[in-house]
Amino acid sequence: MNDAIVISPAAEPTGAVLDVLARAGEIIVGKEQAIKLAMTCLIAGGHLLIEDLPGVGKTTLAHTLAQLLGLRFQRIQFTSDMLPADIIGVSVYDRRESRFRFHPGPVFTQVLLADEINRATPKTQGALLEAMEEHQVTAEGETRRLPEPFFVIATQNPSSQLGTFALPESQLDRFLMRIELGYPDARAERALLAGRSRRELLSGLQAVMNTESLLRLQLDARAIRASDALIDYVQALVAHTRTVKDCLHGLSPRAALGLVAAARAWALLAGRGFVVPEDVQAVFPSVAAHRLQASAELAGLTHAERAKRLLQAVPIP
């Protein structure tokens, strides 16, 4: 199931990345920041959680990125009666060969859209944990590798809506970044109303990159320099979340590693070979907010407001 890909040492032209962002912006109108954060997450090699109301473009964004990046794409509509085998696959007895043959599920792809993931039961949600962390699945005692790259882009509705099951902290921590789209502004909404159907635009969308170029971009992002002073800043931010009374518990070492990886990818998109504190600040809300449980005093603040409060409390070195 694993694709062997040889990565050449040449760097991916910045123009291709900018082209992906520009074309995605033509489909998801007025959400340039969210698109850039989503692209940052994929370049950093992480999984993405998009939480928002139905109908604001969550599914369209996932499909658009997969198509522009030239990746194999599968979509699962999560429901309360879904079973883990519906994701991983199942073995069926083959009479001609007198043995069981494994039929891979939709998880065996490069981009898996887990649509409305919080409408499935915790048992079914948990079927994705091994895939997201290890890029493999174990079924009936046998471990099978997933293709590379492998991304989960999950969408979820607000927990206040009927028929939802909150994602446990262990699964939330598997998502490198969490973003929101929100309602479009008046100009963007008018462009949507007056323009062509998003489905029609998607059908004519051509790939700008391919698997090899994306894997090469990921290697380039890991080579972006993070100075000792920058690492000190990240450590100070993480340490602050562990001691401040605003948070019931702080960020884990995995979250700290994800913050550095996302900051490197953000710097790459900016065309720089090194990370600056502003890169960390740009990605911090999306990396940290879903991992932090606020105290009762801050429960009324939005995720962005809580993240801003934490950033303001830690001086830049």
C-alpha atoms as a PDB file:
ATOM      1  CA  MET A   1       0.000   0.000   0.000  1.00  0.00           C
ATOM      2  CA  ASN A   2       2.999   2.298   0.436  1.00  0.00           C
ATOM      3  CA  ASP A   3       4.172   4.372  -2.520  1.00  0.00           C
ATOM      4  CA  ALA A   4       7.936   4.455  -3.040  1.00  0.00           C
ATOM      5  CA  ILE A   5       8.855   7.962  -4.134  1.00  0.00           C
ATOM      6  CA  VAL A   6      12.352   9.251  -4.847  1.00  0.00           C
ATOM      7  CA  ILE A   7      12.797  12.889  -3.844  1.00  0.00           C
ATOM      8  CA  SER A   8      15.190  14.935  -5.941  1.00  0.00           C
ATOM      9  CA  PRO A   9      17.323  17.537  -4.150  1.00  0.00           C
ATOM     10  CA  ALA A  10      16.006  20.495  -6.148  1.00  0.00           C
ATOM     11  CA  ALA A  11      13.906  22.989  -4.231  1.00  0.00           C
ATOM     12  CA  GLU A  12      10.286  23.532  -5.189  1.00  0.00           C
ATOM     13  CA  PRO A  13       9.811  26.868  -6.985  1.00  0.00           C
ATOM     14  CA  THR A  14       8.017  29.365  -4.765  1.00  0.00           C
ATOM     15  CA  GLY A  15       5.731  30.218  -7.704  1.00  0.00           C
ATOM     16  CA  ALA A  16       4.017  26.820  -7.527  1.00  0.00           C
ATOM     17  CA  VAL A  17       3.124  27.329  -3.862  1.00  0.00           C
ATOM     18  CA  LEU A  18       1.850  30.825  -4.516  1.00  0.00           C
ATOM     19  CA  ASP A  19      -0.181  29.443  -7.417  1.00  0.00           C
ATOM     20  CA  VAL A  20      -1.820  26.910  -5.090  1.00  0.00           C
ATOM     21  CA  LEU A  21      -2.744  29.675  -2.632  1.00  0.00           C
ATOM     22  CA  ALA A  22      -4.052  31.952  -5.397  1.00  0.00           C
ATOM     23  CA  ARG A  23      -6.180  29.275  -7.072  1.00  0.00           C
ATOM     24  CA  ALA A  24      -7.567  28.072  -3.761  1.00  0.00           C
ATOM     25  CA  GLY A  25      -8.499  31.699  -3.057  1.00  0.00           C
ATOM     26  CA  GLU A  26     -10.598  31.737  -6.218  1.00  0.00           C
ATOM     27  CA  ILE A  27     -12.662  28.832  -4.866  1.00  0.00           C
ATOM     28  CA  ILE A  28     -12.776  29.791  -1.167  1.00  0.00           C
ATOM     29  CA  VAL A  29     -13.341  33.507  -1.568  1.00  0.00           C
ATOM     30  CA  GLY A  30     -12.183  35.939   1.101  1.00  0.00           C
ATOM     31  CA  LYS A  31     -10.443  33.340   3.294  1.00  0.00           C
ATOM     32  CA  GLU A  32      -6.796  33.850   2.343  1.00  0.00           C
ATOM     33  CA  GLN A  33      -5.528  33.527   5.934  1.00  0.00           C
ATOM     34  CA  ALA A  34      -7.368  30.248   6.528  1.00  0.00           C
ATOM     35  CA  ILE A  35      -6.077  28.841   3.219  1.00  0.00           C
ATOM     36  CA  LYS A  36      -2.500  29.800   4.104  1.00  0.00           C
ATOM     37  CA  LEU A  37      -2.834  28.178   7.536  1.00  0.00           C
ATOM     38  CA  ALA A  38      -4.213  24.997   5.950  1.00  0.00           C
ATOM     39  CA  MET A  39      -1.336  24.887   3.472  1.00  0.00           C
ATOM     40  CA  THR A  40       1.103  25.489   6.329  1.00  0.00           C
ATOM     41  CA  CYS A  41      -0.327  22.488   8.156  1.00  0.00           C
ATOM     42  CA  LEU A  42       0.119  20.189   5.136  1.00  0.00           C
ATOM     43  CA  ILE A  43       3.680  21.378   4.473  1.00  0.00           C
ATOM     44  CA  ALA A  44       4.500  20.776   8.146  1.00  0.00           C
ATOM     45  CA  GLY A  45       3.223  17.209   7.706  1.00  0.00           C
ATOM     46  CA  GLY A  46       0.340  17.572  10.147  1.00  0.00           C
ATOM     47  CA  HIS A  47      -3.364  16.836  10.199  1.00  0.00           C
ATOM     48  CA  LEU A  48      -5.914  19.637  10.015  1.00  0.00           C
ATOM     49  CA  LEU A  49      -9.171  20.144  11.919  1.00  0.00           C
ATOM     50  CA  ILE A  50     -11.671  22.651  10.518  1.00  0.00           C
ATOM     51  CA  GLU A  51     -14.418  23.537  12.974  1.00  0.00           C
ATOM     52  CA  ASP A  52     -17.308  25.738  11.912  1.00  0.00           C
ATOM     53  CA  LEU A  53     -20.974  25.884  11.068  1.00  0.00           C
ATOM     54  CA  PRO A  54     -22.314  23.823   8.142  1.00  0.00           C
ATOM     55  CA  GLY A  55     -22.201  25.517   4.752  1.00  0.00           C
ATOM     56  CA  VAL A  56     -19.212  27.848   5.147  1.00  0.00           C
ATOM     57  CA  GLY A  57     -16.859  25.887   2.856  1.00  0.00           C
ATOM     58  CA  LYS A  58     -15.046  23.376   5.079  1.00  0.00           C
ATOM     59  CA  THR A  59     -15.469  20.421   2.731  1.00  0.00           C
ATOM     60  CA  THR A  60     -14.781  22.556  -0.329  1.00  0.00           C
ATOM     61  CA  LEU A  61     -11.469  23.746   1.139  1.00  0.00           C
ATOM     62  CA  ALA A  62     -10.289  20.177   1.774  1.00  0.00           C
ATOM     63  CA  HIS A  63     -11.265  19.035  -1.719  1.00  0.00           C
ATOM     64  CA  THR A  64      -9.654  22.104  -3.303  1.00  0.00           C
ATOM     65  CA  LEU A  65      -6.276  21.576  -1.611  1.00  0.00           C
ATOM     66  CA  ALA A  66      -6.190  17.872  -2.479  1.00  0.00           C
ATOM     67  CA  GLN A  67      -6.960  18.597  -6.116  1.00  0.00           C
ATOM     68  CA  LEU A  68      -4.425  21.427  -6.443  1.00  0.00           C
ATOM     69  CA  LEU A  69      -1.705  19.340  -4.808  1.00  0.00           C
ATOM     70  CA  GLY A  70      -2.402  16.375  -7.100  1.00  0.00           C
ATOM     71  CA  LEU A  71      -3.072  13.960  -4.228  1.00  0.00           C
ATOM     72  CA  ARG A  72      -5.411  10.977  -4.093  1.00  0.00           C
ATOM     73  CA  PHE A  73      -8.537  11.958  -2.202  1.00  0.00           C
ATOM     74  CA  GLN A  74     -11.215  10.060  -0.297  1.00  0.00           C
ATOM     75  CA  ARG A  75     -14.149  11.441   1.653  1.00  0.00           C
ATOM     76  CA  ILE A  76     -15.954   9.765   4.545  1.00  0.00           C
ATOM     77  CA  GLN A  77     -19.235  11.180   5.782  1.00  0.00           C
ATOM     78  CA  PHE A  78     -19.201  10.335   9.482  1.00  0.00           C
ATOM     79  CA  THR A  79     -22.494   9.231  11.048  1.00  0.00           C
ATOM     80  CA  SER A  80     -23.498   7.799  14.400  1.00  0.00           C
ATOM     81  CA  ASP A  81     -23.939   4.266  12.993  1.00  0.00           C
ATOM     82  CA  MET A  82     -20.515   4.113  11.318  1.00  0.00           C
ATOM     83  CA  LEU A  83     -18.132   1.322  12.382  1.00  0.00           C
ATOM     84  CA  PRO A  84     -14.299   1.279  12.457  1.00  0.00           C
ATOM     85  CA  ALA A  85     -14.299  -1.247   9.583  1.00  0.00           C
ATOM     86  CA  ASP A  86     -15.993   1.392   7.411  1.00  0.00           C
ATOM     87  CA  ILE A  87     -12.762   3.394   7.689  1.00  0.00           C
ATOM     88  CA  ILE A  88     -10.008   0.779   7.874  1.00  0.00           C
ATOM     89  CA  GLY A  89     -11.455  -1.970   5.691  1.00  0.00           C
ATOM     90  CA  VAL A  90     -12.630  -5.531   6.129  1.00  0.00           C
ATOM     91  CA  SER A  91     -11.607  -9.075   5.211  1.00  0.00           C
ATOM     92  CA  VAL A  92     -14.016 -11.022   3.022  1.00  0.00           C
ATOM     93  CA  TYR A  93     -13.804 -14.751   2.373  1.00  0.00           C
ATOM     94  CA  ASP A  94     -12.809 -15.573  -1.205  1.00  0.00           C
ATOM     95  CA  ARG A  95     -14.305 -18.938  -2.224  1.00  0.00           C
ATOM     96  CA  ARG A  96     -12.094 -19.395  -5.268  1.00  0.00           C
ATOM     97  CA  GLU A  97      -8.882 -18.933  -3.279  1.00  0.00           C
ATOM     98  CA  SER A  98     -10.310 -20.461  -0.068  1.00  0.00           C
ATOM     99  CA  ARG A  99      -8.969 -17.649   2.070  1.00  0.00           C
ATOM    100  CA  PHE A 100      -9.878 -14.243   3.456  1.00  0.00           C
ATOM    101  CA  ARG A 101      -8.919 -11.260   1.319  1.00  0.00           C
ATOM    102  CA  PHE A 102      -8.513  -7.820   2.859  1.00  0.00           C
ATOM    103  CA  HIS A 103     -10.440  -5.027   1.163  1.00  0.00           C
ATOM    104  CA  PRO A 104      -8.822  -1.696   2.070  1.00  0.00           C
ATOM    105  CA  GLY A 105     -11.080   1.034   3.387  1.00  0.00           C
ATOM    106  CA  PRO A 106     -11.023   4.702   2.383  1.00  0.00           C
ATOM    107  CA  VAL A 107      -8.207   5.431   4.856  1.00  0.00           C
ATOM    108  CA  PHE A 108      -5.775   4.053   2.261  1.00  0.00           C
ATOM    109  CA  THR A 109      -5.399   7.331   0.420  1.00  0.00           C
ATOM    110  CA  GLN A 110      -3.239  10.459   0.591  1.00  0.00           C
ATOM    111  CA  VAL A 111      -5.853  12.974   1.723  1.00  0.00           C
ATOM    112  CA  LEU A 112      -8.692  11.634   3.834  1.00  0.00           C
ATOM    113  CA  LEU A 113     -11.557  14.037   4.414  1.00  0.00           C
ATOM    114  CA  ALA A 114     -13.255  13.015   7.649  1.00  0.00           C
ATOM    115  CA  ASP A 115     -16.414  15.042   7.181  1.00  0.00           C
ATOM    116  CA  GLU A 116     -18.312  15.909  10.369  1.00  0.00           C
ATOM    117  CA  ILE A 117     -16.020  13.669  12.398  1.00  0.00           C
ATOM    118  CA  ASN A 118     -17.775  14.514  15.655  1.00  0.00           C
ATOM    119  CA  ARG A 119     -21.016  12.909  14.468  1.00  0.00           C
ATOM    120  CA  ALA A 120     -19.425   9.452  14.853  1.00  0.00           C
ATOM    121  CA  THR A 121     -19.164   7.584  18.140  1.00  0.00           C
ATOM    122  CA  PRO A 122     -15.888   7.688  20.109  1.00  0.00           C
ATOM    123  CA  LYS A 123     -15.123   4.083  19.081  1.00  0.00           C
ATOM    124  CA  THR A 124     -15.236   5.010  15.401  1.00  0.00           C
ATOM    125  CA  GLN A 125     -13.321   8.245  15.967  1.00  0.00           C
ATOM    126  CA  GLY A 126     -10.629   6.187  17.688  1.00  0.00           C
ATOM    127  CA  ALA A 127     -10.135   4.085  14.553  1.00  0.00           C
ATOM    128  CA  LEU A 128      -8.213   7.028  13.098  1.00  0.00           C
ATOM    129  CA  LEU A 129      -5.758   7.413  15.996  1.00  0.00           C
ATOM    130  CA  GLU A 130      -3.164   4.893  14.800  1.00  0.00           C
ATOM    131  CA  ALA A 131      -3.460   6.094  11.208  1.00  0.00           C
ATOM    132  CA  MET A 132      -2.899   9.729  12.181  1.00  0.00           C
ATOM    133  CA  GLU A 133       0.018   9.055  14.507  1.00  0.00           C
ATOM    134  CA  GLU A 134       1.855   6.137  12.874  1.00  0.00           C
ATOM    135  CA  HIS A 135       0.677   6.385   9.227  1.00  0.00           C
ATOM    136  CA  GLN A 136      -0.373   2.749   9.453  1.00  0.00           C
ATOM    137  CA  VAL A 137      -3.388   0.693  10.448  1.00  0.00           C
ATOM    138  CA  THR A 138      -3.651  -2.662  12.161  1.00  0.00           C
ATOM    139  CA  ALA A 139      -6.528  -4.889  11.142  1.00  0.00           C
ATOM    140  CA  GLU A 140      -7.010  -8.504  12.199  1.00  0.00           C
ATOM    141  CA  GLY A 141      -3.482  -8.735  13.573  1.00  0.00           C
ATOM    142  CA  GLU A 142      -1.734  -7.386  10.465  1.00  0.00           C
ATOM    143  CA  THR A 143      -0.175  -3.925  10.171  1.00  0.00           C
ATOM    144  CA  ARG A 144      -0.446  -2.149   6.846  1.00  0.00           C
ATOM    145  CA  ARG A 145       1.359   1.046   5.887  1.00  0.00           C
ATOM    146  CA  LEU A 146      -0.555   4.001   4.465  1.00  0.00           C
ATOM    147  CA  PRO A 147       0.533   5.945   1.376  1.00  0.00           C
ATOM    148  CA  GLU A 148       2.902   8.907   1.710  1.00  0.00           C
ATOM    149  CA  PRO A 149       2.080  11.651   2.220  1.00  0.00           C
ATOM    150  CA  PHE A 150      -0.959  10.930   4.371  1.00  0.00           C
ATOM    151  CA  PHE A 151      -3.162  13.721   5.685  1.00  0.00           C
ATOM    152  CA  VAL A 152      -6.405  13.743   7.590  1.00  0.00           C
ATOM    153  CA  ILE A 153      -8.471  16.872   7.051  1.00  0.00           C
ATOM    154  CA  ALA A 154     -11.376  16.611   9.453  1.00  0.00           C
ATOM    155  CA  THR A 155     -14.367  18.900   9.705  1.00  0.00           C
ATOM    156  CA  GLN A 156     -16.588  19.190  12.714  1.00  0.00           C
ATOM    157  CA  ASN A 157     -19.668  21.162  13.640  1.00  0.00           C
ATOM    158  CA  PRO A 158     -19.829  23.153  16.886  1.00  0.00           C
ATOM    159  CA  SER A 159     -20.478  20.878  19.870  1.00  0.00           C
ATOM    160  CA  SER A 160     -23.671  22.806  20.620  1.00  0.00           C
ATOM    161  CA  GLN A 161     -25.334  21.238  17.569  1.00  0.00           C
ATOM    162  CA  LEU A 162     -27.473  18.114  17.920  1.00  0.00           C
ATOM    163  CA  GLY A 163     -26.013  14.656  17.293  1.00  0.00           C
ATOM    164  CA  THR A 164     -22.368  15.442  18.010  1.00  0.00           C
ATOM    165  CA  PHE A 165     -19.810  13.592  20.158  1.00  0.00           C
ATOM    166  CA  ALA A 166     -16.963  15.728  21.459  1.00  0.00           C
ATOM    167  CA  LEU A 167     -13.511  14.607  20.300  1.00  0.00           C
ATOM    168  CA  PRO A 168     -11.403  13.396  23.242  1.00  0.00           C
ATOM    169  CA  GLU A 169      -8.225  15.306  24.117  1.00  0.00           C
ATOM    170  CA  SER A 170      -6.046  12.430  22.876  1.00  0.00           C
ATOM    171  CA  GLN A 171      -7.514  12.727  19.391  1.00  0.00           C
ATOM    172  CA  LEU A 172      -7.539  16.521  19.344  1.00  0.00           C
ATOM    173  CA  ASP A 173      -3.811  16.396  20.076  1.00  0.00           C
ATOM    174  CA  ARG A 174      -3.255  14.421  16.851  1.00  0.00           C
ATOM    175  CA  PHE A 175      -4.344  17.443  14.820  1.00  0.00           C
ATOM    176  CA  LEU A 176      -1.427  19.785  14.302  1.00  0.00           C
ATOM    177  CA  MET A 177      -3.711  22.754  13.603  1.00  0.00           C
ATOM    178  CA  ARG A 178      -7.318  23.751  14.064  1.00  0.00           C
ATOM    179  CA  ILE A 179      -8.832  26.569  12.010  1.00  0.00           C
ATOM    180  CA  GLU A 180     -12.188  28.246  11.470  1.00  0.00           C
ATOM    181  CA  LEU A 181     -13.581  29.779   8.293  1.00  0.00           C
ATOM    182  CA  GLY A 182     -16.486  31.856   9.539  1.00  0.00           C
ATOM    183  CA  TYR A 183     -19.002  33.771   7.477  1.00  0.00           C
ATOM    184  CA  PRO A 184     -17.657  35.602   4.396  1.00  0.00           C
ATOM    185  CA  ASP A 185     -17.595  39.379   4.410  1.00  0.00           C
ATOM    186  CA  ALA A 186     -20.030  41.292   2.203  1.00  0.00           C
ATOM    187  CA  ARG A 187     -17.638  41.579  -0.751  1.00  0.00           C
ATOM    188  CA  ALA A 188     -16.715  37.886  -0.711  1.00  0.00           C
ATOM    189  CA  GLU A 189     -20.326  36.788  -0.281  1.00  0.00           C
ATOM    190  CA  ARG A 190     -21.396  38.917  -3.251  1.00  0.00           C
ATOM    191  CA  ALA A 191     -18.691  37.284  -5.366  1.00  0.00           C
ATOM    192  CA  LEU A 192     -20.033  33.887  -4.309  1.00  0.00           C
ATOM    193  CA  LEU A 193     -23.621  34.801  -5.166  1.00  0.00           C
ATOM    194  CA  ALA A 194     -22.793  36.373  -8.516  1.00  0.00           C
ATOM    195  CA  GLY A 195     -20.149  33.843  -9.600  1.00  0.00           C
ATOM    196  CA  ARG A 196     -20.146  30.297 -10.872  1.00  0.00           C
ATOM    197  CA  SER A 197     -21.006  27.309  -8.717  1.00  0.00           C
ATOM    198  CA  ARG A 198     -18.140  26.153  -6.469  1.00  0.00           C
ATOM    199  CA  ARG A 199     -18.827  22.580  -7.611  1.00  0.00           C
ATOM    200  CA  GLU A 200     -18.436  23.641 -11.227  1.00  0.00           C
ATOM    201  CA  LEU A 201     -15.185  25.472 -10.458  1.00  0.00           C
ATOM    202  CA  LEU A 202     -13.842  22.441  -8.590  1.00  0.00           C
ATOM    203  CA  SER A 203     -14.560  20.103 -11.492  1.00  0.00           C
ATOM    204  CA  GLY A 204     -12.325  22.163 -13.754  1.00  0.00           C
ATOM    205  CA  LEU A 205      -9.482  22.610 -11.256  1.00  0.00           C
ATOM    206  CA  GLN A 206      -6.108  21.318 -12.451  1.00  0.00           C
ATOM    207  CA  ALA A 207      -3.283  20.115 -10.212  1.00  0.00           C
ATOM    208  CA  VAL A 208      -0.498  22.640  -9.705  1.00  0.00           C
ATOM    209  CA  MET A 209       1.819  20.304  -7.767  1.00  0.00           C
ATOM    210  CA  ASN A 210       2.267  16.568  -7.322  1.00  0.00           C
ATOM    211  CA  THR A 211       3.240  14.094  -4.627  1.00  0.00           C
ATOM    212  CA  GLU A 212       6.979  14.421  -5.220  1.00  0.00           C
ATOM    213  CA  SER A 213       6.949  18.220  -5.126  1.00  0.00           C
ATOM    214  CA  LEU A 214       4.927  18.277  -1.903  1.00  0.00           C
ATOM    215  CA  LEU A 215       7.259  15.803  -0.187  1.00  0.00           C
ATOM    216  CA  ARG A 216      10.185  17.948  -1.331  1.00  0.00           C
ATOM    217  CA  LEU A 217       8.492  21.012   0.151  1.00  0.00           C
ATOM    218  CA  GLN A 218       8.159  19.195   3.460  1.00  0.00           C
ATOM    219  CA  LEU A 219      11.888  18.452   3.429  1.00  0.00           C
ATOM    220  CA  ASP A 220      12.624  22.090   2.636  1.00  0.00           C
ATOM    221  CA  ALA A 221      10.464  23.202   5.545  1.00  0.00           C
ATOM    222  CA  ARG A 222      12.361  20.969   7.985  1.00  0.00           C
ATOM    223  CA  ALA A 223      15.604  22.619   6.835  1.00  0.00           C
ATOM    224  CA  ILE A 224      14.371  26.130   7.716  1.00  0.00           C
ATOM    225  CA  ARG A 225      16.637  27.477  10.468  1.00  0.00           C
ATOM    226  CA  ALA A 226      15.267  28.049  13.965  1.00  0.00           C
ATOM    227  CA  SER A 227      17.821  29.912  16.082  1.00  0.00           C
ATOM    228  CA  ASP A 228      18.539  29.258  19.754  1.00  0.00           C
ATOM    229  CA  ALA A 229      16.750  32.501  20.653  1.00  0.00           C
ATOM    230  CA  LEU A 230      13.692  31.382  18.676  1.00  0.00           C
ATOM    231  CA  ILE A 231      13.640  28.025  20.476  1.00  0.00           C
ATOM    232  CA  ASP A 232      13.930  29.933  23.777  1.00  0.00           C
ATOM    233  CA  TYR A 233      10.821  31.905  22.789  1.00  0.00           C
ATOM    234  CA  VAL A 234       8.865  28.747  21.978  1.00  0.00           C
ATOM    235  CA  GLN A 235       9.911  27.207  25.288  1.00  0.00           C
ATOM    236  CA  ALA A 236       8.840  30.327  27.153  1.00  0.00           C
ATOM    237  CA  LEU A 237       5.414  30.229  25.484  1.00  0.00           C
ATOM    238  CA  VAL A 238       4.932  26.563  26.277  1.00  0.00           C
ATOM    239  CA  ALA A 239       6.116  27.004  29.861  1.00  0.00           C
ATOM    240  CA  HIS A 240       3.695  29.911  30.322  1.00  0.00           C
ATOM    241  CA  THR A 241       0.728  27.737  29.319  1.00  0.00           C
ATOM    242  CA  ARG A 242       1.765  25.217  31.997  1.00  0.00           C
ATOM    243  CA  THR A 243       1.870  27.724  34.839  1.00  0.00           C
ATOM    244  CA  VAL A 244      -0.736  30.378  34.059  1.00  0.00           C
ATOM    245  CA  LYS A 245      -4.068  30.097  35.858  1.00  0.00           C
ATOM    246  CA  ASP A 246      -5.950  30.800  32.614  1.00  0.00           C
ATOM    247  CA  CYS A 247      -5.260  27.234  31.439  1.00  0.00           C
ATOM    248  CA  LEU A 248      -6.271  24.076  33.276  1.00  0.00           C
ATOM    249  CA  HIS A 249      -3.312  22.258  31.710  1.00  0.00           C
ATOM    250  CA  GLY A 250      -0.457  23.371  29.473  1.00  0.00           C
ATOM    251  CA  LEU A 251       0.921  22.391  26.091  1.00  0.00           C
ATOM    252  CA  SER A 252       2.653  19.034  25.738  1.00  0.00           C
ATOM    253  CA  PRO A 253       6.109  18.456  24.187  1.00  0.00           C
ATOM    254  CA  ARG A 254       4.293  17.172  21.081  1.00  0.00           C
ATOM    255  CA  ALA A 255       2.484  20.517  20.819  1.00  0.00           C
ATOM    256  CA  ALA A 256       5.810  22.362  21.177  1.00  0.00           C
ATOM    257  CA  LEU A 257       7.320  20.292  18.359  1.00  0.00           C
ATOM    258  CA  GLY A 258       4.252  21.010  16.234  1.00  0.00           C
ATOM    259  CA  LEU A 259       4.555  24.738  16.927  1.00  0.00           C
ATOM    260  CA  VAL A 260       8.134  24.792  15.647  1.00  0.00           C
ATOM    261  CA  ALA A 261       7.238  22.686  12.590  1.00  0.00           C
ATOM    262  CA  ALA A 262       4.300  24.965  11.717  1.00  0.00           C
ATOM    263  CA  ALA A 263       6.436  28.086  12.193  1.00  0.00           C
ATOM    264  CA  ARG A 264       9.046  26.648   9.821  1.00  0.00           C
ATOM    265  CA  ALA A 265       6.375  25.960   7.189  1.00  0.00           C
ATOM    266  CA  TRP A 266       4.959  29.481   7.623  1.00  0.00           C
ATOM    267  CA  ALA A 267       8.457  30.933   7.112  1.00  0.00           C
ATOM    268  CA  LEU A 268       8.845  28.816   3.964  1.00  0.00           C
ATOM    269  CA  LEU A 269       5.618  30.259   2.546  1.00  0.00           C
ATOM    270  CA  ALA A 270       7.014  33.715   3.280  1.00  0.00           C
ATOM    271  CA  GLY A 271      10.132  32.895   1.247  1.00  0.00           C
ATOM    272  CA  ARG A 272      12.546  32.957   4.194  1.00  0.00           C
ATOM    273  CA  GLY A 273      15.165  30.421   5.197  1.00  0.00           C
ATOM    274  CA  PHE A 274      14.832  31.146   8.904  1.00  0.00           C
ATOM    275  CA  VAL A 275      12.052  31.461  11.476  1.00  0.00           C
ATOM    276  CA  VAL A 276      11.236  34.747  13.201  1.00  0.00           C
ATOM    277  CA  PRO A 277       9.020  35.221  16.298  1.00  0.00           C
ATOM    278  CA  GLU A 278       6.231  36.591  14.095  1.00  0.00           C
ATOM    279  CA  ASP A 279       6.024  33.173  12.396  1.00  0.00           C
ATOM    280  CA  VAL A 280       5.449  31.530  15.765  1.00  0.00           C
ATOM    281  CA  GLN A 281       2.806  34.108  16.663  1.00  0.00           C
ATOM    282  CA  ALA A 282       1.033  33.624  13.317  1.00  0.00           C
ATOM    283  CA  VAL A 283       0.540  29.884  13.817  1.00  0.00           C
ATOM    284  CA  PHE A 284       0.267  29.772  17.625  1.00  0.00           C
ATOM    285  CA  PRO A 285      -3.549  30.183  17.842  1.00  0.00           C
ATOM    286  CA  SER A 286      -4.168  27.371  15.351  1.00  0.00           C
ATOM    287  CA  VAL A 287      -1.631  25.029  16.973  1.00  0.00           C
ATOM    288  CA  ALA A 288      -2.407  25.732  20.626  1.00  0.00           C
ATOM    289  CA  ALA A 289      -6.074  26.681  21.028  1.00  0.00           C
ATOM    290  CA  HIS A 290      -7.635  23.220  20.613  1.00  0.00           C
ATOM    291  CA  ARG A 291      -5.075  21.719  23.011  1.00  0.00           C
ATOM    292  CA  LEU A 292      -5.724  24.143  25.869  1.00  0.00           C
ATOM    293  CA  GLN A 293      -8.684  23.940  28.185  1.00  0.00           C
ATOM    294  CA  ALA A 294      -9.502  27.390  29.517  1.00  0.00           C
ATOM    295  CA  SER A 295     -10.377  28.127  33.117  1.00  0.00           C
ATOM    296  CA  ALA A 296     -13.910  29.189  34.016  1.00  0.00           C
ATOM    297  CA  GLU A 297     -12.859  32.856  33.994  1.00  0.00           C
ATOM    298  CA  LEU A 298     -11.891  32.676  30.300  1.00  0.00           C
ATOM    299  CA  ALA A 299     -14.607  30.304  29.103  1.00  0.00           C
ATOM    300  CA  GLY A 300     -16.449  33.176  27.418  1.00  0.00           C
ATOM    301  CA  LEU A 301     -13.492  34.196  25.245  1.00  0.00           C
ATOM    302  CA  THR A 302     -12.982  32.909  21.721  1.00  0.00           C
ATOM    303  CA  HIS A 303     -10.023  30.681  20.870  1.00  0.00           C
ATOM    304  CA  ALA A 304      -8.314  33.595  19.133  1.00  0.00           C
ATOM    305  CA  GLU A 305      -8.787  35.876  22.140  1.00  0.00           C
ATOM    306  CA  ARG A 306      -7.339  33.298  24.526  1.00  0.00           C
ATOM    307  CA  ALA A 307      -4.310  32.747  22.270  1.00  0.00           C
ATOM    308  CA  LYS A 308      -3.744  36.502  21.956  1.00  0.00           C
ATOM    309  CA  ARG A 309      -3.811  36.832  25.733  1.00  0.00           C
ATOM    310  CA  LEU A 310      -1.149  34.140  26.090  1.00  0.00           C
ATOM    311  CA  LEU A 311       1.048  35.687  23.401  1.00  0.00           C
ATOM    312  CA  GLN A 312       0.879  39.117  25.022  1.00  0.00           C
ATOM    313  CA  ALA A 313       2.072  37.678  28.321  1.00  0.00           C
ATOM    314  CA  VAL A 314       5.364  36.335  26.918  1.00  0.00           C
ATOM    315  CA  PRO A 315       7.889  38.926  25.693  1.00  0.00           C
ATOM    316  CA  ILE A 316       9.728  38.387  22.423  1.00  0.00           C
ATOM    317  CA  PRO A 317      13.457  37.799  23.095  1.00  0.00           C
END
